[in-house]
PDB file of N, CA and C in Angstrom:
ATOM      1  N   MET A   1      41.066 236.522  -4.392  1.00  0.00           N
ATOM      2  CA  MET A   1      41.912 235.532  -5.071  1.00  0.00           C
ATOM      3  C   MET A   1      41.173 234.196  -5.202  1.00  0.00           C
ATOM      4  N   ALA A   2      40.546 233.765  -4.102  1.00  0.00           N
ATOM      5  CA  ALA A   2      39.806 232.501  -4.131  1.00  0.00           C
ATOM      6  C   ALA A   2      38.612 232.618  -5.068  1.00  0.00           C
ATOM      7  N   LEU A   3      38.008 233.789  -5.101  1.00  0.00           N
ATOM      8  CA  LEU A   3      36.851 234.009  -5.969  1.00  0.00           C
ATOM      9  C   LEU A   3      37.276 233.913  -7.439  1.00  0.00           C
ATOM     10  N   LYS A   4      38.427 234.467  -7.734  1.00  0.00           N
ATOM     11  CA  LYS A   4      38.948 234.407  -9.102  1.00  0.00           C
ATOM     12  C   LYS A   4      39.203 232.959  -9.514  1.00  0.00           C
ATOM     13  N   LYS A   5      39.762 232.186  -8.593  1.00  0.00           N
ATOM     14  CA  LYS A   5      40.026 230.776  -8.874  1.00  0.00           C
ATOM     15  C   LYS A   5      38.727 230.036  -9.157  1.00  0.00           C
ATOM     16  N   GLN A   6      37.689 230.347  -8.373  1.00  0.00           N
ATOM     17  CA  GLN A   6      36.400 229.683  -8.532  1.00  0.00           C
ATOM     18  C   GLN A   6      35.807 230.009  -9.907  1.00  0.00           C
ATOM     19  N   THR A   7      35.886 231.252 -10.303  1.00  0.00           N
ATOM     20  CA  THR A   7      35.321 231.618 -11.605  1.00  0.00           C
ATOM     21  C   THR A   7      36.107 230.955 -12.740  1.00  0.00           C
ATOM     22  N   GLU A   8      37.397 230.780 -12.553  1.00  0.00           N
ATOM     23  CA  GLU A   8      38.192 230.105 -13.575  1.00  0.00           C
ATOM     24  C   GLU A   8      37.781 228.644 -13.719  1.00  0.00           C
ATOM     25  N   THR A   9      37.522 227.978 -12.583  1.00  0.00           N
ATOM     26  CA  THR A   9      37.089 226.581 -12.655  1.00  0.00           C
ATOM     27  C   THR A   9      35.690 226.500 -13.258  1.00  0.00           C
ATOM     28  N   GLU A  10      34.827 227.475 -12.963  1.00  0.00           N
ATOM     29  CA  GLU A  10      33.496 227.491 -13.572  1.00  0.00           C
ATOM     30  C   GLU A  10      33.601 227.695 -15.078  1.00  0.00           C
ATOM     31  N   LYS A  11      34.493 228.572 -15.471  1.00  0.00           N
ATOM     32  CA  LYS A  11      34.730 228.788 -16.909  1.00  0.00           C
ATOM     33  C   LYS A  11      35.177 227.488 -17.554  1.00  0.00           C
ATOM     34  N   TYR A  12      36.055 226.781 -16.869  1.00  0.00           N
ATOM     35  CA  TYR A  12      36.560 225.517 -17.390  1.00  0.00           C
ATOM     36  C   TYR A  12      35.430 224.509 -17.550  1.00  0.00           C
ATOM     37  N   LYS A  13      34.533 224.470 -16.537  1.00  0.00           N
ATOM     38  CA  LYS A  13      33.393 223.550 -16.599  1.00  0.00           C
ATOM     39  C   LYS A  13      32.499 223.891 -17.781  1.00  0.00           C
ATOM     40  N   HIS A  14      32.257 225.179 -17.984  1.00  0.00           N
ATOM     41  CA  HIS A  14      31.380 225.595 -19.082  1.00  0.00           C
ATOM     42  C   HIS A  14      32.037 225.347 -20.434  1.00  0.00           C
ATOM     43  N   SER A  15      33.333 225.494 -20.488  1.00  0.00           N
ATOM     44  CA  SER A  15      34.041 225.344 -21.764  1.00  0.00           C
ATOM     45  C   SER A  15      34.493 223.898 -21.988  1.00  0.00           C
ATOM     46  N   ASN A  16      33.982 222.973 -21.197  1.00  0.00           N
ATOM     47  CA  ASN A  16      34.367 221.573 -21.334  1.00  0.00           C
ATOM     48  C   ASN A  16      34.006 221.039 -22.715  1.00  0.00           C
ATOM     49  N   VAL A  17      32.853 221.458 -23.224  1.00  0.00           N
ATOM     50  CA  VAL A  17      32.418 221.026 -24.556  1.00  0.00           C
ATOM     51  C   VAL A  17      33.381 221.567 -25.604  1.00  0.00           C
ATOM     52  N   ASP A  18      33.792 222.822 -25.430  1.00  0.00           N
ATOM     53  CA  ASP A  18      34.740 223.429 -26.361  1.00  0.00           C
ATOM     54  C   ASP A  18      36.064 222.662 -26.357  1.00  0.00           C
ATOM     55  N   ILE A  19      36.491 222.252 -25.156  1.00  0.00           N
ATOM     56  CA  ILE A  19      37.748 221.505 -25.046  1.00  0.00           C
ATOM     57  C   ILE A  19      37.616 220.175 -25.800  1.00  0.00           C
ATOM     58  N   GLY A  20      36.476 219.525 -25.670  1.00  0.00           N
ATOM     59  CA  GLY A  20      36.247 218.263 -26.378  1.00  0.00           C
ATOM     60  C   GLY A  20      36.294 218.445 -27.881  1.00  0.00           C
ATOM     61  N   SER A  21      35.668 219.507 -28.371  1.00  0.00           N
ATOM     62  CA  SER A  21      35.667 219.736 -29.818  1.00  0.00           C
ATOM     63  C   SER A  21      37.060 220.108 -30.305  1.00  0.00           C
ATOM     64  N   SER A  22      37.834 220.805 -29.478  1.00  0.00           N
ATOM     65  CA  SER A  22      39.192 221.160 -29.891  1.00  0.00           C
ATOM     66  C   SER A  22      40.075 219.914 -29.905  1.00  0.00           C
ATOM     67  N   VAL A  23      39.784 218.935 -29.030  1.00  0.00           N
ATOM     68  CA  VAL A  23      40.533 217.680 -29.052  1.00  0.00           C
ATOM     69  C   VAL A  23      40.252 216.947 -30.365  1.00  0.00           C
ATOM     70  N   ASP A  24      38.980 216.943 -30.794  1.00  0.00           N
ATOM     71  CA  ASP A  24      38.638 216.339 -32.078  1.00  0.00           C
ATOM     72  C   ASP A  24      39.374 217.039 -33.203  1.00  0.00           C
ATOM     73  N   CYS A  25      39.408 218.362 -33.128  1.00  0.00           N
ATOM     74  CA  CYS A  25      40.097 219.154 -34.137  1.00  0.00           C
ATOM     75  C   CYS A  25      41.581 218.805 -34.147  1.00  0.00           C
ATOM     76  N   CYS A  26      42.166 218.661 -32.959  1.00  0.00           N
ATOM     77  CA  CYS A  26      43.587 218.331 -32.852  1.00  0.00           C
ATOM     78  C   CYS A  26      43.874 216.944 -33.396  1.00  0.00           C
ATOM     79  N   SER A  27      42.978 215.994 -33.138  1.00  0.00           N
ATOM     80  CA  SER A  27      43.216 214.644 -33.644  1.00  0.00           C
ATOM     81  C   SER A  27      43.105 214.625 -35.165  1.00  0.00           C
ATOM     82  N   LEU A  28      42.168 215.395 -35.713  1.00  0.00           N
ATOM     83  CA  LEU A  28      42.066 215.498 -37.169  1.00  0.00           C
ATOM     84  C   LEU A  28      43.325 216.131 -37.735  1.00  0.00           C
ATOM     85  N   PHE A  29      43.815 217.158 -37.045  1.00  0.00           N
ATOM     86  CA  PHE A  29      45.038 217.823 -37.471  1.00  0.00           C
ATOM     87  C   PHE A  29      46.211 216.858 -37.417  1.00  0.00           C
ATOM     88  N   GLY A  30      46.240 216.012 -36.383  1.00  0.00           N
ATOM     89  CA  GLY A  30      47.297 215.007 -36.254  1.00  0.00           C
ATOM     90  C   GLY A  30      47.259 214.002 -37.389  1.00  0.00           C
ATOM     91  N   VAL A  31      46.058 213.567 -37.746  1.00  0.00           N
ATOM     92  CA  VAL A  31      45.899 212.627 -38.863  1.00  0.00           C
ATOM     93  C   VAL A  31      46.365 213.286 -40.158  1.00  0.00           C
ATOM     94  N   TRP A  32      45.971 214.551 -40.343  1.00  0.00           N
ATOM     95  CA  TRP A  32      46.372 215.289 -41.547  1.00  0.00           C
ATOM     96  C   TRP A  32      47.891 215.415 -41.595  1.00  0.00           C
ATOM     97  N   CYS A  33      48.494 215.715 -40.446  1.00  0.00           N
ATOM     98  CA  CYS A  33      49.958 215.838 -40.376  1.00  0.00           C
ATOM     99  C   CYS A  33      50.634 214.513 -40.690  1.00  0.00           C
ATOM    100  N   ALA A  34      50.072 213.425 -40.200  1.00  0.00           N
ATOM    101  CA  ALA A  34      50.649 212.106 -40.463  1.00  0.00           C
ATOM    102  C   ALA A  34      50.592 211.798 -41.959  1.00  0.00           C
ATOM    103  N   LEU A  35      49.453 212.085 -42.589  1.00  0.00           N
ATOM    104  CA  LEU A  35      49.324 211.862 -44.024  1.00  0.00           C
ATOM    105  C   LEU A  35      50.302 212.737 -44.789  1.00  0.00           C
ATOM    106  N   PHE A  36      50.434 213.981 -44.349  1.00  0.00           N
ATOM    107  CA  PHE A  36      51.379 214.895 -44.991  1.00  0.00           C
ATOM    108  C   PHE A  36      52.805 214.375 -44.829  1.00  0.00           C
ATOM    109  N   GLY A  37      53.103 213.816 -43.641  1.00  0.00           N
ATOM    110  CA  GLY A  37      54.436 213.265 -43.389  1.00  0.00           C
ATOM    111  C   GLY A  37      54.733 212.082 -44.300  1.00  0.00           C
ATOM    112  N   VAL A  38      53.735 211.224 -44.498  1.00  0.00           N
ATOM    113  CA  VAL A  38      53.900 210.076 -45.391  1.00  0.00           C
ATOM    114  C   VAL A  38      54.128 210.567 -46.813  1.00  0.00           C
ATOM    115  N   TRP A  39      53.332 211.542 -47.241  1.00  0.00           N
ATOM    116  CA  TRP A  39      53.476 212.097 -48.583  1.00  0.00           C
ATOM    117  C   TRP A  39      54.851 212.729 -48.745  1.00  0.00           C
ATOM    118  N   TYR A  40      55.268 213.459 -47.711  1.00  0.00           N
ATOM    119  CA  TYR A  40      56.567 214.134 -47.742  1.00  0.00           C
ATOM    120  C   TYR A  40      57.704 213.113 -47.820  1.00  0.00           C
ATOM    121  N   ALA A  41      57.554 212.002 -47.081  1.00  0.00           N
ATOM    122  CA  ALA A  41      58.578 210.952 -47.105  1.00  0.00           C
ATOM    123  C   ALA A  41      58.663 210.331 -48.502  1.00  0.00           C
ATOM    124  N   LEU A  42      57.507 210.058 -49.103  1.00  0.00           N
ATOM    125  CA  LEU A  42      57.495 209.500 -50.455  1.00  0.00           C
ATOM    126  C   LEU A  42      58.118 210.476 -51.435  1.00  0.00           C
ATOM    127  N   PHE A  43      57.804 211.754 -51.260  1.00  0.00           N
ATOM    128  CA  PHE A  43      58.368 212.792 -52.123  1.00  0.00           C
ATOM    129  C   PHE A  43      59.884 212.844 -51.956  1.00  0.00           C
ATOM    130  N   GLY A  44      60.349 212.694 -50.704  1.00  0.00           N
ATOM    131  CA  GLY A  44      61.785 212.694 -50.436  1.00  0.00           C
ATOM    132  C   GLY A  44      62.489 211.518 -51.099  1.00  0.00           C
ATOM    133  N   VAL A  45      61.867 210.346 -51.040  1.00  0.00           N
ATOM    134  CA  VAL A  45      62.429 209.157 -51.682  1.00  0.00           C
ATOM    135  C   VAL A  45      62.493 209.379 -53.194  1.00  0.00           C
ATOM    136  N   TRP A  46      61.416 209.936 -53.750  1.00  0.00           N
ATOM    137  CA  TRP A  46      61.378 210.215 -55.181  1.00  0.00           C
ATOM    138  C   TRP A  46      62.483 211.190 -55.563  1.00  0.00           C
ATOM    139  N   CYS A  47      62.672 212.230 -54.751  1.00  0.00           N
ATOM    140  CA  CYS A  47      63.724 213.223 -55.003  1.00  0.00           C
ATOM    141  C   CYS A  47      65.109 212.581 -54.950  1.00  0.00           C
ATOM    142  N   ALA A  48      65.316 211.691 -53.976  1.00  0.00           N
ATOM    143  CA  ALA A  48      66.607 211.012 -53.850  1.00  0.00           C
ATOM    144  C   ALA A  48      66.879 210.153 -55.084  1.00  0.00           C
ATOM    145  N   LEU A  49      65.868 209.407 -55.520  1.00  0.00           N
ATOM    146  CA  LEU A  49      66.017 208.576 -56.713  1.00  0.00           C
ATOM    147  C   LEU A  49      66.287 209.442 -57.935  1.00  0.00           C
ATOM    148  N   PHE A  50      65.586 210.555 -58.030  1.00  0.00           N
ATOM    149  CA  PHE A  50      65.794 211.477 -59.144  1.00  0.00           C
ATOM    150  C   PHE A  50      67.215 212.042 -59.114  1.00  0.00           C
ATOM    151  N   GLY A  51      67.694 212.350 -57.905  1.00  0.00           N
ATOM    152  CA  GLY A  51      69.058 212.864 -57.758  1.00  0.00           C
ATOM    153  C   GLY A  51      70.095 211.855 -58.211  1.00  0.00           C
ATOM    154  N   VAL A  52      69.899 210.598 -57.831  1.00  0.00           N
ATOM    155  CA  VAL A  52      70.822 209.528 -58.233  1.00  0.00           C
ATOM    156  C   VAL A  52      70.774 209.364 -59.751  1.00  0.00           C
ATOM    157  N   TRP A  53      69.554 209.325 -60.306  1.00  0.00           N
ATOM    158  CA  TRP A  53      69.391 209.173 -61.751  1.00  0.00           C
ATOM    159  C   TRP A  53      70.043 210.337 -62.486  1.00  0.00           C
ATOM    160  N   CYS A  54      69.829 211.553 -61.961  1.00  0.00           N
ATOM    161  CA  CYS A  54      70.393 212.752 -62.569  1.00  0.00           C
ATOM    162  C   CYS A  54      71.919 212.694 -62.547  1.00  0.00           C
ATOM    163  N   ALA A  55      72.483 212.274 -61.423  1.00  0.00           N
ATOM    164  CA  ALA A  55      73.946 212.180 -61.297  1.00  0.00           C
ATOM    165  C   ALA A  55      74.496 211.166 -62.302  1.00  0.00           C
ATOM    166  N   LEU A  56      73.842 210.023 -62.414  1.00  0.00           N
ATOM    167  CA  LEU A  56      74.291 208.994 -63.365  1.00  0.00           C
ATOM    168  C   LEU A  56      74.155 209.505 -64.799  1.00  0.00           C
ATOM    169  N   PHE A  57      73.059 210.193 -65.064  1.00  0.00           N
ATOM    170  CA  PHE A  57      72.792 210.716 -66.404  1.00  0.00           C
ATOM    171  C   PHE A  57      73.840 211.762 -66.786  1.00  0.00           C
ATOM    172  N   VAL A  58      74.126 212.680 -65.859  1.00  0.00           N
ATOM    173  CA  VAL A  58      75.128 213.727 -66.100  1.00  0.00           C
ATOM    174  C   VAL A  58      76.505 213.097 -66.277  1.00  0.00           C
ATOM    175  N   GLU A  59      76.790 212.099 -65.449  1.00  0.00           N
ATOM    176  CA  GLU A  59      78.086 211.416 -65.532  1.00  0.00           C
ATOM    177  C   GLU A  59      78.244 210.758 -66.895  1.00  0.00           C
ATOM    178  N   GLU A  60      77.151 210.179 -67.422  1.00  0.00           N
ATOM    179  CA  GLU A  60      77.204 209.517 -68.722  1.00  0.00           C
ATOM    180  C   GLU A  60      77.403 210.534 -69.836  1.00  0.00           C
ATOM    181  N   ILE A  61      76.808 211.708 -69.705  1.00  0.00           N
ATOM    182  CA  ILE A  61      76.960 212.749 -70.722  1.00  0.00           C
ATOM    183  C   ILE A  61      78.403 213.276 -70.704  1.00  0.00           C
ATOM    184  N   LEU A  62      78.915 213.514 -69.491  1.00  0.00           N
ATOM    185  CA  LEU A  62      80.244 214.114 -69.379  1.00  0.00           C
ATOM    186  C   LEU A  62      81.351 213.155 -69.779  1.00  0.00           C
ATOM    187  N   TYR A  63      81.164 211.871 -69.468  1.00  0.00           N
ATOM    188  CA  TYR A  63      82.256 210.925 -69.740  1.00  0.00           C
ATOM    189  C   TYR A  63      81.889 209.988 -70.884  1.00  0.00           C
TER     190      TYR A  63
END
């Protein structure tokens, strides 16, 4: 059991570089997600404005 634990910590030490590169990958992914969120928010605002315009337009046609 202790031997298994030791090999796991050695694996962790060896894969430290991999962990660092995955952190970089995660931060890039986070930045991409943030940009996507901003784009999505702008798209949502545009959709809301379009919905209001559409409702007013339909109301004007009907009445």
